[in-house]
C-alpha atoms as a PDB file:
ATOM      1  CA  MET A   1      -2.984  12.280   4.895  1.00  0.00           C
ATOM      2  CA  LYS A   2      -3.394   9.489   2.377  1.00  0.00           C
ATOM      3  CA  VAL A   3      -2.233   6.075   3.514  1.00  0.00           C
ATOM      4  CA  LEU A   4      -1.960   2.866   1.448  1.00  0.00           C
ATOM      5  CA  VAL A   5      -2.063  -0.348   3.451  1.00  0.00           C
ATOM      6  CA  VAL A   6      -0.701  -3.356   1.581  1.00  0.00           C
ATOM      7  CA  ASP A   7      -1.006  -6.824   3.075  1.00  0.00           C
ATOM      8  CA  ASP A   8      -2.109 -10.176   1.691  1.00  0.00           C
ATOM      9  CA  ASN A   9      -3.677 -11.069   5.067  1.00  0.00           C
ATOM     10  CA  LYS A  10      -7.172  -9.486   4.813  1.00  0.00           C
ATOM     11  CA  ASN A  11      -7.657  -9.479   8.590  1.00  0.00           C
ATOM     12  CA  ASP A  12      -4.369  -7.683   9.279  1.00  0.00           C
ATOM     13  CA  ARG A  13      -5.070  -5.200   6.443  1.00  0.00           C
ATOM     14  CA  MET A  14      -8.618  -4.406   7.746  1.00  0.00           C
ATOM     15  CA  LEU A  15      -7.476  -4.051  11.355  1.00  0.00           C
ATOM     16  CA  LEU A  16      -4.747  -1.547  10.450  1.00  0.00           C
ATOM     17  CA  SER A  17      -7.060   0.346   8.062  1.00  0.00           C
ATOM     18  CA  LYS A  18      -9.742   0.637  10.782  1.00  0.00           C
ATOM     19  CA  MET A  19      -7.119   1.959  13.251  1.00  0.00           C
ATOM     20  CA  LEU A  20      -5.857   4.531  10.808  1.00  0.00           C
ATOM     21  CA  HIS A  21      -9.325   5.541   9.620  1.00  0.00           C
ATOM     22  CA  LYS A  22     -10.315   6.300  13.255  1.00  0.00           C
ATOM     23  CA  ASN A  23      -7.438   8.799  13.336  1.00  0.00           C
ATOM     24  CA  ILE A  24      -8.853  10.647  10.319  1.00  0.00           C
ATOM     25  CA  TYR A  25      -6.462   9.218   7.661  1.00  0.00           C
ATOM     26  CA  GLU A  26      -7.713   8.633   4.224  1.00  0.00           C
ATOM     27  CA  VAL A  27      -6.986   4.843   3.821  1.00  0.00           C
ATOM     28  CA  LYS A  28      -6.725   2.757   0.680  1.00  0.00           C
ATOM     29  CA  GLU A  29      -6.016  -0.965   0.728  1.00  0.00           C
ATOM     30  CA  ALA A  30      -4.254  -3.461  -1.545  1.00  0.00           C
ATOM     31  CA  GLY A  31      -3.917  -7.205  -1.168  1.00  0.00           C
ATOM     32  CA  ASN A  32      -0.597  -7.504  -2.836  1.00  0.00           C
ATOM     33  CA  GLY A  33       2.142  -5.510  -4.639  1.00  0.00           C
ATOM     34  CA  VAL A  34       0.393  -5.588  -8.039  1.00  0.00           C
ATOM     35  CA  GLU A  35      -2.756  -4.073  -6.453  1.00  0.00           C
ATOM     36  CA  ALA A  36      -0.578  -1.536  -4.657  1.00  0.00           C
ATOM     37  CA  LEU A  37       0.933  -0.364  -7.975  1.00  0.00           C
ATOM     38  CA  GLU A  38      -2.608   0.016  -9.371  1.00  0.00           C
ATOM     39  CA  GLN A  39      -3.732   2.020  -6.359  1.00  0.00           C
ATOM     40  CA  ILE A  40      -0.562   4.223  -6.712  1.00  0.00           C
ATOM     41  CA  GLU A  41      -1.460   4.880 -10.411  1.00  0.00           C
ATOM     42  CA  ARG A  42      -4.844   6.195  -9.332  1.00  0.00           C
ATOM     43  CA  GLY A  43      -3.236   8.595  -6.820  1.00  0.00           C
ATOM     44  CA  THR A  44       0.050   8.580  -4.980  1.00  0.00           C
ATOM     45  CA  PRO A  45      -0.306   8.107  -1.203  1.00  0.00           C
ATOM     46  CA  ASP A  46       1.568  10.167   1.330  1.00  0.00           C
ATOM     47  CA  ILE A  47       2.690   6.942   3.043  1.00  0.00           C
ATOM     48  CA  MET A  48       2.630   3.241   2.310  1.00  0.00           C
ATOM     49  CA  ILE A  49       2.630   0.603   4.960  1.00  0.00           C
ATOM     50  CA  SER A  50       3.335  -2.768   3.402  1.00  0.00           C
ATOM     51  CA  ASP A  51       3.859  -6.399   4.392  1.00  0.00           C
ATOM     52  CA  ILE A  52       7.092  -7.676   2.901  1.00  0.00           C
ATOM     53  CA  MET A  53       6.371 -11.403   2.207  1.00  0.00           C
ATOM     54  CA  MET A  54       3.387 -11.578  -0.142  1.00  0.00           C
ATOM     55  CA  LEU A  55       2.477 -13.591  -3.180  1.00  0.00           C
ATOM     56  CA  HIS A  56       2.856 -12.233  -6.740  1.00  0.00           C
ATOM     57  CA  MET A  57       5.156  -9.375  -5.753  1.00  0.00           C
ATOM     58  CA  ASP A  58       6.902  -8.643  -2.475  1.00  0.00           C
ATOM     59  CA  GLY A  59       6.549  -5.456  -0.486  1.00  0.00           C
ATOM     60  CA  PHE A  60       9.795  -4.060  -1.846  1.00  0.00           C
ATOM     61  CA  MET A  61       8.860  -4.178  -5.556  1.00  0.00           C
ATOM     62  CA  PRO A  62       6.239  -1.374  -5.469  1.00  0.00           C
ATOM     63  CA  ILE A  63       8.726   0.953  -3.692  1.00  0.00           C
ATOM     64  CA  ILE A  64      11.470   0.142  -6.250  1.00  0.00           C
ATOM     65  CA  ASP A  65       8.978   0.814  -9.008  1.00  0.00           C
ATOM     66  CA  ILE A  66       7.958   4.180  -7.577  1.00  0.00           C
ATOM     67  CA  ARG A  67      11.573   5.192  -7.185  1.00  0.00           C
ATOM     68  CA  LYS A  68      12.332   4.257 -10.820  1.00  0.00           C
ATOM     69  CA  LYS A  69       9.406   6.317 -12.122  1.00  0.00           C
ATOM     70  CA  ARG A  70      10.365   9.391 -10.047  1.00  0.00           C
ATOM     71  CA  SER A  71      13.989   9.310 -11.205  1.00  0.00           C
ATOM     72  CA  LYS A  72      12.990   9.518 -14.816  1.00  0.00           C
END
């Protein structure tokens, strides 16, 4: 299962990624919503775990963008 972890706090992102990786998940990381969209363009994850309050783009915007693209 491919998991995208999105969090502007590097320590929180790394901790969650390590926990998921130990459980045999393929984990990708992004430090904000813009990076999340870039990661998604490279390959859609099965699940995204995202912080909501981040700089540049909040955690809701990547989800809204994905939904718009899928509805076209």
